[in-house]
Amino acid sequence: MLDVVKPVTMKGLPSGPNNDKPEPVTIDFYDLPMVEMDHVYDIPAPLRIDRDEEFPVESNSYVNGAWLNNSKMREQPLDEVPPSYGFWRVDVYKHDEYHMNVFFQGFWSDVREFRQSLNGLKSVYVISDFVNHLSVQIRLKTPSYVPPMSVDEFKTNMYSKADRKLMV
């Protein structure tokens, strides 16, 4: 059984031919070990946290078939590829107060570093012309059973795994 900590809200941006605004969607916090990492896909989904609009973040994302290593961006669109099983699955893992790890369809995207504390995070925005709130599933992870690991170590380990998967 999944251990739900608390819900937050994902707000969809305007989408569709009439620029319709989707209804807010509830996002639940779950424990990271519940994420199956054995089966991954080769397209990580970048996303924007509403709090970093003013401050760009260091990004190591995979967009349109290429890695954007240490790029400074304020927002990132989902890649233009149809979602697996009919929906995009984005997993966001809060590593500590200033770092967040992003997974897409079970595949690691990047470690995001924020200048402001993430302790008061209220919402996540999905930026894309290709998806809406009905085709996105987001889970925010809590590190309840994750062994202690520095952000750099986590980033290095996940990069190695991501690179291996990309080369296969």
N, C-alpha and C. Protein backbone atom coordinates (compact mmCIF):
# COMPACT_ATOMS: atom_id res chain seq x y z
N MET A 1 0.84 -1.19 0.00
CA MET A 1 0.00 0.00 0.00
C MET A 1 0.88 1.24 0.00
N LEU A 2 0.54 2.22 -0.81
CA LEU A 2 1.31 3.44 -0.89
C LEU A 2 1.03 4.33 0.31
N ASP A 3 2.09 4.96 0.79
CA ASP A 3 1.97 5.84 1.94
C ASP A 3 1.76 7.26 1.45
N VAL A 4 0.53 7.72 1.43
CA VAL A 4 0.23 9.07 0.96
C VAL A 4 0.50 10.05 2.09
N VAL A 5 1.36 11.03 1.81
CA VAL A 5 1.71 12.01 2.83
C VAL A 5 0.72 13.15 2.84
N LYS A 6 0.58 13.85 1.72
CA LYS A 6 -0.40 14.93 1.61
C LYS A 6 -0.56 15.31 0.15
N PRO A 7 -1.70 15.89 -0.22
CA PRO A 7 -1.90 16.29 -1.61
C PRO A 7 -1.43 17.72 -1.87
N VAL A 8 -1.06 18.00 -3.11
CA VAL A 8 -0.82 19.37 -3.57
C VAL A 8 -1.60 19.52 -4.87
N THR A 9 -1.51 20.66 -5.50
CA THR A 9 -2.31 20.90 -6.69
C THR A 9 -1.43 21.15 -7.91
N MET A 10 -1.77 20.52 -9.02
CA MET A 10 -1.14 20.82 -10.30
C MET A 10 -2.13 21.63 -11.11
N LYS A 11 -1.69 22.78 -11.63
CA LYS A 11 -2.56 23.62 -12.42
C LYS A 11 -2.14 23.54 -13.87
N GLY A 12 -3.05 23.17 -14.74
CA GLY A 12 -2.73 23.10 -16.15
C GLY A 12 -2.77 24.48 -16.79
N LEU A 13 -1.85 24.74 -17.70
CA LEU A 13 -1.88 26.00 -18.44
C LEU A 13 -2.90 25.91 -19.57
N PRO A 14 -3.31 27.06 -20.14
CA PRO A 14 -4.28 27.03 -21.23
C PRO A 14 -3.83 26.10 -22.35
N SER A 15 -4.77 25.36 -22.91
CA SER A 15 -4.45 24.43 -24.00
C SER A 15 -5.67 24.28 -24.90
N GLY A 16 -5.46 23.67 -26.05
CA GLY A 16 -6.56 23.45 -26.98
C GLY A 16 -6.75 24.62 -27.92
N PRO A 17 -7.60 24.42 -28.95
CA PRO A 17 -7.80 25.46 -29.97
C PRO A 17 -8.40 26.75 -29.43
N ASN A 18 -9.19 26.65 -28.36
CA ASN A 18 -9.82 27.83 -27.78
C ASN A 18 -9.06 28.35 -26.57
N ASN A 19 -7.83 27.85 -26.39
CA ASN A 19 -7.01 28.26 -25.25
C ASN A 19 -7.73 27.98 -23.92
N ASP A 20 -8.43 26.85 -23.86
CA ASP A 20 -9.17 26.48 -22.66
C ASP A 20 -8.21 26.22 -21.51
N LYS A 21 -8.65 26.56 -20.31
CA LYS A 21 -7.81 26.32 -19.14
C LYS A 21 -8.31 25.08 -18.41
N PRO A 22 -7.47 24.04 -18.28
CA PRO A 22 -7.89 22.81 -17.59
C PRO A 22 -8.16 23.06 -16.11
N GLU A 23 -8.97 22.20 -15.53
CA GLU A 23 -9.22 22.28 -14.10
C GLU A 23 -7.98 21.82 -13.33
N PRO A 24 -7.78 22.34 -12.10
CA PRO A 24 -6.65 21.88 -11.28
C PRO A 24 -6.75 20.39 -10.99
N VAL A 25 -5.62 19.74 -10.85
CA VAL A 25 -5.56 18.31 -10.58
C VAL A 25 -4.81 18.07 -9.29
N THR A 26 -5.28 17.14 -8.48
CA THR A 26 -4.60 16.82 -7.23
C THR A 26 -3.40 15.93 -7.47
N ILE A 27 -2.29 16.24 -6.82
CA ILE A 27 -1.07 15.43 -6.89
C ILE A 27 -0.82 14.88 -5.49
N ASP A 28 -0.49 13.60 -5.40
CA ASP A 28 -0.20 12.99 -4.10
C ASP A 28 1.30 12.78 -3.92
N PHE A 29 1.75 12.88 -2.67
CA PHE A 29 3.13 12.58 -2.32
C PHE A 29 3.22 11.09 -1.97
N TYR A 30 4.16 10.38 -2.59
CA TYR A 30 4.37 8.96 -2.30
C TYR A 30 5.84 8.71 -2.00
N ASP A 31 6.14 7.54 -1.46
CA ASP A 31 7.52 7.17 -1.17
C ASP A 31 8.24 6.74 -2.44
N LEU A 32 9.49 7.15 -2.57
CA LEU A 32 10.28 6.86 -3.77
C LEU A 32 10.41 5.38 -4.10
N PRO A 33 10.60 4.47 -3.12
CA PRO A 33 10.78 3.05 -3.48
C PRO A 33 9.61 2.44 -4.25
N MET A 34 8.46 3.09 -4.24
CA MET A 34 7.32 2.57 -4.96
C MET A 34 7.47 2.76 -6.47
N VAL A 35 8.44 3.59 -6.89
CA VAL A 35 8.67 3.83 -8.31
C VAL A 35 9.48 2.68 -8.88
N GLU A 36 9.00 2.06 -9.95
CA GLU A 36 9.74 0.96 -10.57
C GLU A 36 10.78 1.53 -11.51
N MET A 37 12.05 1.29 -11.20
CA MET A 37 13.13 1.86 -12.00
C MET A 37 13.73 0.86 -12.99
N ASP A 38 13.25 -0.37 -13.03
CA ASP A 38 13.82 -1.37 -13.93
C ASP A 38 13.40 -1.14 -15.39
N HIS A 39 12.21 -0.63 -15.58
CA HIS A 39 11.72 -0.40 -16.93
C HIS A 39 11.64 1.10 -17.16
N VAL A 40 12.51 1.62 -18.00
CA VAL A 40 12.54 3.05 -18.23
C VAL A 40 12.37 3.36 -19.71
N TYR A 41 12.07 4.62 -19.99
CA TYR A 41 11.91 5.09 -21.36
C TYR A 41 13.00 6.11 -21.65
N ASP A 42 13.17 6.46 -22.90
CA ASP A 42 14.31 7.30 -23.26
C ASP A 42 13.99 8.77 -23.44
N ILE A 43 12.86 9.24 -22.91
CA ILE A 43 12.51 10.64 -23.04
C ILE A 43 12.11 11.23 -21.70
N PRO A 44 13.03 11.86 -20.98
CA PRO A 44 12.66 12.50 -19.72
C PRO A 44 11.78 13.73 -19.98
N ALA A 45 10.87 14.03 -19.07
CA ALA A 45 10.03 15.21 -19.24
C ALA A 45 10.54 16.34 -18.37
N PRO A 46 10.99 17.43 -18.93
CA PRO A 46 11.29 18.59 -18.15
C PRO A 46 9.98 19.24 -17.69
N LEU A 47 10.00 19.95 -16.60
CA LEU A 47 8.82 20.67 -16.15
C LEU A 47 9.27 21.89 -15.38
N ARG A 48 8.35 22.82 -15.16
CA ARG A 48 8.68 24.04 -14.46
C ARG A 48 7.96 24.08 -13.12
N ILE A 49 8.70 24.40 -12.06
CA ILE A 49 8.09 24.65 -10.77
C ILE A 49 7.69 26.12 -10.75
N ASP A 50 6.49 26.44 -10.27
CA ASP A 50 6.01 27.81 -10.39
C ASP A 50 6.91 28.81 -9.67
N ARG A 51 7.69 28.34 -8.70
CA ARG A 51 8.50 29.24 -7.89
C ARG A 51 9.77 29.71 -8.61
N ASP A 52 10.21 29.03 -9.67
CA ASP A 52 11.47 29.41 -10.29
C ASP A 52 11.27 30.30 -11.52
N GLU A 53 10.12 30.94 -11.64
CA GLU A 53 9.88 31.82 -12.79
C GLU A 53 10.87 32.97 -12.80
N GLU A 54 11.19 33.51 -11.62
CA GLU A 54 12.10 34.65 -11.52
C GLU A 54 13.56 34.23 -11.64
N PHE A 55 13.89 33.04 -11.10
CA PHE A 55 15.28 32.59 -11.09
C PHE A 55 15.45 31.37 -11.99
N PRO A 56 16.30 31.46 -13.01
CA PRO A 56 16.54 30.27 -13.82
C PRO A 56 17.25 29.20 -13.01
N VAL A 57 17.08 27.95 -13.39
CA VAL A 57 17.70 26.85 -12.67
C VAL A 57 18.66 26.11 -13.60
N GLU A 58 19.63 25.42 -12.99
CA GLU A 58 20.53 24.58 -13.77
C GLU A 58 19.76 23.34 -14.20
N SER A 59 19.77 23.04 -15.48
CA SER A 59 18.97 21.93 -15.98
C SER A 59 19.85 20.95 -16.74
N ASN A 60 19.60 19.68 -16.53
CA ASN A 60 20.28 18.62 -17.28
C ASN A 60 19.20 17.74 -17.90
N SER A 61 18.46 18.30 -18.82
CA SER A 61 17.29 17.63 -19.36
C SER A 61 17.53 17.10 -20.76
N TYR A 62 16.68 16.18 -21.15
CA TYR A 62 16.75 15.54 -22.46
C TYR A 62 15.56 16.03 -23.27
N VAL A 63 15.79 16.93 -24.22
CA VAL A 63 14.70 17.55 -24.96
C VAL A 63 14.93 17.39 -26.45
N ASN A 64 13.90 16.94 -27.17
CA ASN A 64 13.98 16.77 -28.62
C ASN A 64 15.21 15.98 -29.05
N GLY A 65 15.50 14.91 -28.30
CA GLY A 65 16.59 14.01 -28.68
C GLY A 65 17.98 14.45 -28.30
N ALA A 66 18.12 15.49 -27.48
CA ALA A 66 19.46 15.94 -27.11
C ALA A 66 19.51 16.33 -25.64
N TRP A 67 20.66 16.07 -24.99
CA TRP A 67 20.85 16.48 -23.60
C TRP A 67 21.19 17.96 -23.56
N LEU A 68 20.54 18.70 -22.67
CA LEU A 68 20.85 20.11 -22.45
C LEU A 68 21.58 20.20 -21.12
N ASN A 69 22.88 20.00 -21.14
CA ASN A 69 23.65 19.94 -19.91
C ASN A 69 23.90 21.32 -19.33
N ASN A 70 23.50 21.49 -18.07
CA ASN A 70 23.73 22.74 -17.33
C ASN A 70 23.19 23.96 -18.07
N SER A 71 22.04 23.81 -18.69
CA SER A 71 21.41 24.95 -19.35
C SER A 71 20.61 25.74 -18.33
N LYS A 72 20.60 27.05 -18.47
CA LYS A 72 19.79 27.87 -17.58
C LYS A 72 18.47 28.15 -18.26
N MET A 73 17.37 27.74 -17.64
CA MET A 73 16.07 27.97 -18.23
C MET A 73 15.04 28.29 -17.16
N ARG A 74 13.99 28.98 -17.59
CA ARG A 74 12.90 29.30 -16.68
C ARG A 74 11.73 28.34 -16.86
N GLU A 75 11.63 27.71 -18.02
CA GLU A 75 10.61 26.71 -18.24
C GLU A 75 11.08 25.76 -19.33
N GLN A 76 10.51 24.56 -19.33
CA GLN A 76 10.90 23.55 -20.30
C GLN A 76 9.65 22.82 -20.77
N PRO A 77 9.44 22.66 -22.08
CA PRO A 77 8.27 21.95 -22.58
C PRO A 77 8.47 20.44 -22.54
N LEU A 78 7.39 19.71 -22.52
CA LEU A 78 7.47 18.27 -22.69
C LEU A 78 7.90 17.98 -24.12
N ASP A 79 8.61 16.89 -24.31
CA ASP A 79 9.05 16.53 -25.65
C ASP A 79 7.84 16.18 -26.53
N GLU A 80 7.98 16.35 -27.84
CA GLU A 80 6.88 16.13 -28.77
C GLU A 80 6.76 14.66 -29.15
N VAL A 81 6.53 13.81 -28.18
CA VAL A 81 6.41 12.38 -28.43
C VAL A 81 5.15 11.88 -27.73
N PRO A 82 4.34 11.05 -28.39
CA PRO A 82 3.11 10.56 -27.74
C PRO A 82 3.42 9.86 -26.42
N PRO A 83 2.61 10.08 -25.40
CA PRO A 83 2.87 9.45 -24.11
C PRO A 83 2.64 7.95 -24.13
N SER A 84 3.37 7.23 -23.29
CA SER A 84 3.19 5.79 -23.16
C SER A 84 1.90 5.51 -22.41
N TYR A 85 1.14 4.54 -22.84
CA TYR A 85 -0.12 4.15 -22.19
C TYR A 85 -1.12 5.29 -22.12
N GLY A 86 -0.98 6.30 -22.98
CA GLY A 86 -1.96 7.36 -23.04
C GLY A 86 -1.78 8.50 -22.07
N PHE A 87 -0.75 8.46 -21.23
CA PHE A 87 -0.53 9.59 -20.33
C PHE A 87 0.96 9.77 -20.08
N TRP A 88 1.33 11.02 -19.74
CA TRP A 88 2.70 11.33 -19.33
C TRP A 88 2.79 11.06 -17.83
N ARG A 89 3.83 10.37 -17.40
CA ARG A 89 4.03 10.14 -15.97
C ARG A 89 5.28 10.90 -15.54
N VAL A 90 5.11 11.87 -14.66
CA VAL A 90 6.22 12.66 -14.15
C VAL A 90 6.35 12.39 -12.66
N ASP A 91 7.52 11.95 -12.24
CA ASP A 91 7.79 11.72 -10.82
C ASP A 91 8.76 12.79 -10.33
N VAL A 92 8.36 13.50 -9.28
CA VAL A 92 9.20 14.54 -8.71
C VAL A 92 9.58 14.14 -7.30
N TYR A 93 10.88 14.02 -7.04
CA TYR A 93 11.37 13.59 -5.74
C TYR A 93 12.09 14.74 -5.05
N LYS A 94 11.58 15.18 -3.91
CA LYS A 94 12.23 16.24 -3.15
C LYS A 94 13.39 15.65 -2.37
N HIS A 95 14.61 15.98 -2.80
CA HIS A 95 15.80 15.42 -2.18
C HIS A 95 16.08 16.08 -0.84
N ASP A 96 16.00 17.40 -0.82
CA ASP A 96 16.14 18.17 0.41
C ASP A 96 15.48 19.52 0.18
N GLU A 97 15.79 20.49 1.02
CA GLU A 97 15.08 21.76 0.96
C GLU A 97 15.30 22.52 -0.35
N TYR A 98 16.45 22.31 -1.00
CA TYR A 98 16.77 23.10 -2.19
C TYR A 98 16.99 22.27 -3.46
N HIS A 99 16.79 20.97 -3.38
CA HIS A 99 17.03 20.13 -4.55
C HIS A 99 15.83 19.23 -4.83
N MET A 100 15.53 19.07 -6.11
CA MET A 100 14.43 18.23 -6.52
C MET A 100 14.88 17.36 -7.69
N ASN A 101 14.53 16.09 -7.67
CA ASN A 101 14.88 15.17 -8.76
C ASN A 101 13.64 14.90 -9.59
N VAL A 102 13.79 14.95 -10.90
CA VAL A 102 12.66 14.78 -11.80
C VAL A 102 12.82 13.51 -12.64
N PHE A 103 11.76 12.70 -12.69
CA PHE A 103 11.74 11.49 -13.51
C PHE A 103 10.58 11.60 -14.49
N PHE A 104 10.74 11.06 -15.67
CA PHE A 104 9.67 11.05 -16.65
C PHE A 104 9.49 9.64 -17.17
N GLN A 105 8.27 9.13 -17.07
CA GLN A 105 7.96 7.75 -17.45
C GLN A 105 8.95 6.79 -16.78
N GLY A 106 9.36 7.10 -15.55
CA GLY A 106 10.30 6.26 -14.82
C GLY A 106 11.75 6.51 -15.17
N PHE A 107 12.01 7.46 -16.08
CA PHE A 107 13.38 7.72 -16.53
C PHE A 107 13.87 9.03 -15.92
N TRP A 108 15.07 9.01 -15.35
CA TRP A 108 15.58 10.20 -14.67
C TRP A 108 15.85 11.34 -15.63
N SER A 109 15.42 12.54 -15.27
CA SER A 109 15.64 13.72 -16.10
C SER A 109 16.76 14.58 -15.55
N ASP A 110 16.61 15.06 -14.33
CA ASP A 110 17.66 15.89 -13.76
C ASP A 110 17.46 16.12 -12.28
N VAL A 111 18.50 16.71 -11.66
CA VAL A 111 18.41 17.23 -10.30
C VAL A 111 18.30 18.73 -10.45
N ARG A 112 17.23 19.31 -9.94
CA ARG A 112 17.03 20.75 -10.03
C ARG A 112 17.44 21.39 -8.72
N GLU A 113 18.18 22.49 -8.80
CA GLU A 113 18.58 23.23 -7.60
C GLU A 113 17.86 24.56 -7.59
N PHE A 114 17.23 24.89 -6.45
CA PHE A 114 16.44 26.10 -6.33
C PHE A 114 17.05 27.04 -5.31
N ARG A 115 16.96 28.33 -5.58
CA ARG A 115 17.50 29.32 -4.65
C ARG A 115 16.57 29.54 -3.47
N GLN A 116 15.30 29.28 -3.67
CA GLN A 116 14.33 29.42 -2.60
C GLN A 116 13.97 28.05 -2.05
N SER A 117 13.58 28.03 -0.78
CA SER A 117 13.24 26.77 -0.13
C SER A 117 12.04 26.11 -0.80
N LEU A 118 12.10 24.78 -0.92
CA LEU A 118 10.99 24.01 -1.49
C LEU A 118 10.02 23.53 -0.42
N ASN A 119 10.29 23.89 0.83
CA ASN A 119 9.44 23.39 1.92
C ASN A 119 8.00 23.87 1.80
N GLY A 120 7.79 25.02 1.20
CA GLY A 120 6.43 25.54 1.07
C GLY A 120 5.85 25.34 -0.32
N LEU A 121 6.37 24.36 -1.07
CA LEU A 121 5.92 24.13 -2.45
C LEU A 121 4.42 23.82 -2.48
N LYS A 122 3.69 24.55 -3.31
CA LYS A 122 2.24 24.38 -3.37
C LYS A 122 1.76 23.77 -4.68
N SER A 123 2.46 24.05 -5.77
CA SER A 123 1.94 23.55 -7.04
C SER A 123 3.05 23.34 -8.06
N VAL A 124 2.73 22.54 -9.06
CA VAL A 124 3.63 22.26 -10.17
C VAL A 124 2.87 22.56 -11.46
N TYR A 125 3.50 23.26 -12.38
CA TYR A 125 2.86 23.56 -13.65
C TYR A 125 3.48 22.73 -14.76
N VAL A 126 2.65 22.15 -15.59
CA VAL A 126 3.14 21.43 -16.76
C VAL A 126 3.05 22.37 -17.95
N ILE A 127 4.18 22.60 -18.63
CA ILE A 127 4.23 23.53 -19.75
C ILE A 127 4.29 22.73 -21.05
N SER A 128 3.23 22.74 -21.82
CA SER A 128 3.27 21.99 -23.08
C SER A 128 2.06 22.32 -23.94
N ASP A 129 2.28 22.34 -25.26
CA ASP A 129 1.17 22.48 -26.20
C ASP A 129 0.58 21.12 -26.56
N PHE A 130 1.22 20.05 -26.08
CA PHE A 130 0.85 18.71 -26.53
C PHE A 130 0.12 17.89 -25.46
N VAL A 131 0.07 18.41 -24.24
CA VAL A 131 -0.58 17.64 -23.17
C VAL A 131 -1.54 18.54 -22.41
N ASN A 132 -2.46 17.92 -21.70
CA ASN A 132 -3.33 18.66 -20.79
C ASN A 132 -3.43 17.87 -19.49
N HIS A 133 -4.22 18.34 -18.56
CA HIS A 133 -4.26 17.70 -17.24
C HIS A 133 -4.80 16.28 -17.30
N LEU A 134 -5.54 15.92 -18.34
CA LEU A 134 -6.07 14.57 -18.44
C LEU A 134 -5.01 13.56 -18.87
N SER A 135 -3.92 14.04 -19.49
CA SER A 135 -2.90 13.12 -19.99
C SER A 135 -1.61 13.16 -19.18
N VAL A 136 -1.66 13.76 -18.00
CA VAL A 136 -0.46 13.86 -17.16
C VAL A 136 -0.72 13.25 -15.79
N GLN A 137 0.19 12.42 -15.32
CA GLN A 137 0.15 11.94 -13.95
C GLN A 137 1.43 12.39 -13.27
N ILE A 138 1.31 13.06 -12.15
CA ILE A 138 2.49 13.53 -11.42
C ILE A 138 2.45 12.97 -10.01
N ARG A 139 3.59 12.49 -9.56
CA ARG A 139 3.73 12.02 -8.18
C ARG A 139 4.93 12.72 -7.57
N LEU A 140 4.75 13.33 -6.44
CA LEU A 140 5.86 13.94 -5.72
C LEU A 140 6.32 12.96 -4.65
N LYS A 141 7.61 12.62 -4.66
CA LYS A 141 8.12 11.59 -3.77
C LYS A 141 8.72 12.18 -2.51
N THR A 142 8.60 11.44 -1.42
CA THR A 142 9.27 11.83 -0.18
C THR A 142 10.35 10.79 0.12
N PRO A 143 11.47 11.22 0.70
CA PRO A 143 12.62 10.31 0.88
C PRO A 143 12.56 9.45 2.12
N SER A 144 11.40 8.90 2.45
CA SER A 144 11.24 8.15 3.69
C SER A 144 12.23 7.00 3.84
N TYR A 145 12.42 6.21 2.77
CA TYR A 145 13.26 5.02 2.89
C TYR A 145 14.46 5.08 1.96
N VAL A 146 14.84 6.28 1.56
CA VAL A 146 15.98 6.44 0.67
C VAL A 146 17.25 6.54 1.50
N PRO A 147 18.28 5.73 1.22
CA PRO A 147 19.52 5.80 1.98
C PRO A 147 20.16 7.17 1.83
N PRO A 148 20.84 7.69 2.85
CA PRO A 148 21.48 9.01 2.77
C PRO A 148 22.43 9.06 1.58
N MET A 149 22.33 10.13 0.81
CA MET A 149 23.15 10.27 -0.39
C MET A 149 23.21 11.75 -0.74
N SER A 150 24.41 12.23 -1.06
CA SER A 150 24.54 13.64 -1.45
C SER A 150 23.87 13.85 -2.80
N VAL A 151 23.52 15.10 -3.09
CA VAL A 151 22.89 15.41 -4.36
C VAL A 151 23.84 15.10 -5.51
N ASP A 152 25.14 15.43 -5.33
CA ASP A 152 26.12 15.15 -6.39
C ASP A 152 26.24 13.65 -6.65
N GLU A 153 26.24 12.85 -5.57
CA GLU A 153 26.33 11.40 -5.73
C GLU A 153 25.10 10.86 -6.44
N PHE A 154 23.93 11.36 -6.05
CA PHE A 154 22.68 10.94 -6.68
C PHE A 154 22.71 11.28 -8.17
N LYS A 155 23.14 12.51 -8.46
CA LYS A 155 23.18 12.97 -9.84
C LYS A 155 24.13 12.12 -10.68
N THR A 156 25.31 11.83 -10.13
CA THR A 156 26.30 11.02 -10.84
C THR A 156 25.76 9.62 -11.11
N ASN A 157 25.19 9.00 -10.08
CA ASN A 157 24.66 7.65 -10.23
C ASN A 157 23.54 7.60 -11.26
N MET A 158 22.64 8.57 -11.23
CA MET A 158 21.52 8.56 -12.15
C MET A 158 21.96 8.89 -13.57
N TYR A 159 22.96 9.77 -13.71
CA TYR A 159 23.48 10.06 -15.04
C TYR A 159 24.06 8.80 -15.66
N SER A 160 24.79 8.04 -14.87
CA SER A 160 25.39 6.81 -15.39
C SER A 160 24.30 5.88 -15.90
N LYS A 161 23.23 5.73 -15.12
CA LYS A 161 22.14 4.85 -15.51
C LYS A 161 21.43 5.38 -16.75
N ALA A 162 21.21 6.70 -16.77
CA ALA A 162 20.52 7.30 -17.91
C ALA A 162 21.34 7.15 -19.18
N ASP A 163 22.65 7.38 -19.08
CA ASP A 163 23.51 7.25 -20.26
C ASP A 163 23.52 5.82 -20.78
N ARG A 164 23.55 4.84 -19.86
CA ARG A 164 23.55 3.44 -20.28
C ARG A 164 22.26 3.12 -21.03
N LYS A 165 21.13 3.61 -20.52
CA LYS A 165 19.85 3.32 -21.16
C LYS A 165 19.76 3.97 -22.54
N LEU A 166 20.35 5.18 -22.67
CA LEU A 166 20.30 5.87 -23.95
C LEU A 166 21.13 5.15 -25.00
N MET A 167 22.21 4.50 -24.57
CA MET A 167 23.10 3.85 -25.52
C MET A 167 22.60 2.49 -25.98
N VAL A 168 21.66 1.90 -25.23
CA VAL A 168 21.18 0.56 -25.57
C VAL A 168 20.24 0.63 -26.76
